[in-house]
Amino acid sequence: MNDLVKYAMYFLLGGTIVSISTYLGSQGKSFLAAFASTFPAITGATFVLIYLNGGNDAIVSYAKDLLWFIPPWIVYVTTMIVGVPHIGFWPAMVGSLVLYMGCVGAVWLWLR
């Protein structure tokens, strides 16, 4: 499979998951939308593709590094939960992303 086909498949998979999540969320099915967003389809596909291209060591390294992004993600989601009712969607979104990137930077500095 050539690179263009692989990247087209990645794009379609990611777009499908975002579309499903958006549809479910807009229909008031927030639990199902959250499930679709966090379902490990993208991570699972990434595991398979890294394994096929890099083997076991590459998968283990990726999986270990993936865990470091859980605390920043929790900060991001918590900020949205607290921020949206108090300051509105867009300010909360910007603040959440800034805090997420700050947490990622802190983790990166800590790991160095």
Protein backbone atom coordinates (compact mmCIF):
# COMPACT_ATOMS: atom_id res chain seq x y z
CA MET A 1 0.00 0.00 0.00
CA ASN A 2 1.50 3.33 -0.99
CA ASP A 3 1.75 6.29 1.37
CA LEU A 4 -1.03 8.29 -0.30
CA VAL A 5 -3.53 5.46 0.20
CA LYS A 6 -2.43 4.95 3.81
CA TYR A 7 -2.82 8.63 4.66
CA ALA A 8 -6.19 8.77 2.90
CA MET A 9 -7.33 5.87 5.08
CA TYR A 10 -6.08 7.62 8.25
CA PHE A 11 -7.95 10.76 7.22
CA LEU A 12 -11.18 8.85 6.57
CA LEU A 13 -10.95 6.95 9.86
CA GLY A 14 -10.35 10.12 11.86
CA GLY A 15 -13.04 12.05 10.00
CA THR A 16 -15.55 9.25 10.50
CA ILE A 17 -14.98 9.21 14.26
CA VAL A 18 -15.29 13.00 14.50
CA SER A 19 -18.47 12.91 12.40
CA ILE A 20 -20.05 10.18 14.52
CA SER A 21 -19.16 12.00 17.74
CA THR A 22 -20.52 15.29 16.43
CA TYR A 23 -23.75 13.70 15.23
CA LEU A 24 -24.37 11.87 18.50
CA GLY A 25 -23.53 14.94 20.58
CA SER A 26 -25.84 17.16 18.55
CA GLN A 27 -28.65 14.63 19.06
CA GLY A 28 -28.32 14.92 22.84
CA LYS A 29 -26.58 11.56 23.18
CA SER A 30 -23.55 12.91 25.01
CA PHE A 31 -22.58 9.58 26.60
CA LEU A 32 -22.46 7.84 23.22
CA ALA A 33 -20.65 10.82 21.68
CA ALA A 34 -18.04 10.69 24.44
CA PHE A 35 -17.70 6.94 23.95
CA ALA A 36 -17.20 7.37 20.20
CA SER A 37 -14.61 10.09 20.81
CA THR A 38 -12.61 8.07 23.29
CA PHE A 39 -13.05 4.65 21.68
CA PRO A 40 -9.52 3.46 20.96
CA ALA A 41 -10.08 3.09 17.20
CA ILE A 42 -7.50 5.75 16.34
CA THR A 43 -5.07 4.49 18.99
CA GLY A 44 -5.69 0.90 17.93
CA ALA A 45 -5.12 1.72 14.28
CA THR A 46 -1.98 3.60 15.28
CA PHE A 47 -0.78 0.57 17.26
CA VAL A 48 -1.27 -1.67 14.24
CA LEU A 49 0.46 0.71 11.85
CA ILE A 50 3.39 1.37 14.18
CA TYR A 51 3.74 -2.38 14.73
CA LEU A 52 3.74 -3.07 10.99
CA ASN A 53 6.32 -0.34 10.38
CA GLY A 54 8.42 -0.50 13.55
CA GLY A 55 7.77 -3.71 15.47
CA ASN A 56 7.30 -4.49 19.16
CA ASP A 57 9.81 -2.01 20.58
CA ALA A 58 8.21 0.88 18.73
CA ILE A 59 4.74 -0.09 20.06
CA VAL A 60 5.89 -0.36 23.66
CA SER A 61 7.69 2.99 23.45
CA TYR A 62 4.63 4.67 21.90
CA ALA A 63 2.25 3.16 24.48
CA LYS A 64 4.43 4.30 27.39
CA ASP A 65 4.67 7.83 26.00
CA LEU A 66 0.93 7.91 25.35
CA LEU A 67 0.28 7.56 29.08
CA TRP A 68 2.06 10.87 29.75
CA PHE A 69 -0.74 12.69 27.91
CA ILE A 70 -3.49 11.50 30.26
CA PRO A 71 -2.94 14.17 32.97
CA PRO A 72 -2.89 17.06 30.43
CA TRP A 73 -6.03 15.63 28.81
CA ILE A 74 -7.77 15.49 32.20
CA VAL A 75 -6.84 19.15 32.79
CA TYR A 76 -8.19 20.01 29.33
CA VAL A 77 -11.54 18.28 29.82
CA THR A 78 -11.96 19.52 33.40
CA THR A 79 -11.31 23.09 32.27
CA MET A 80 -14.04 22.74 29.66
CA ILE A 81 -16.48 21.34 32.23
CA VAL A 82 -15.81 24.18 34.66
CA GLY A 83 -15.16 26.95 32.15
CA VAL A 84 -18.04 26.68 29.69
CA PRO A 85 -20.81 27.51 32.21
CA HIS A 86 -18.80 30.37 33.73
CA ILE A 87 -17.02 32.08 30.82
CA GLY A 88 -18.63 30.60 27.68
CA PHE A 89 -17.49 28.13 25.07
CA TRP A 90 -14.78 30.02 23.15
CA PRO A 91 -12.90 31.44 26.12
CA ALA A 92 -13.07 28.04 27.83
CA MET A 93 -11.84 26.32 24.66
CA VAL A 94 -8.88 28.68 24.31
CA GLY A 95 -8.08 28.41 28.02
CA SER A 96 -8.36 24.63 27.91
CA LEU A 97 -5.98 24.39 24.97
CA VAL A 98 -3.50 26.77 26.58
CA LEU A 99 -3.58 24.76 29.81
CA TYR A 100 -3.26 21.49 27.87
CA MET A 101 -0.21 22.74 25.99
CA GLY A 102 1.26 24.11 29.22
CA CYS A 103 0.80 20.73 30.90
CA VAL A 104 2.34 18.93 27.92
CA GLY A 105 5.28 21.34 28.09
CA ALA A 106 5.66 20.69 31.82
CA VAL A 107 5.59 16.92 31.26
CA TRP A 108 8.15 17.26 28.46
CA LEU A 109 10.47 19.33 30.67
CA TRP A 110 10.02 16.89 33.55
CA LEU A 111 10.88 13.92 31.35
CA ARG A 112 14.06 15.50 29.96
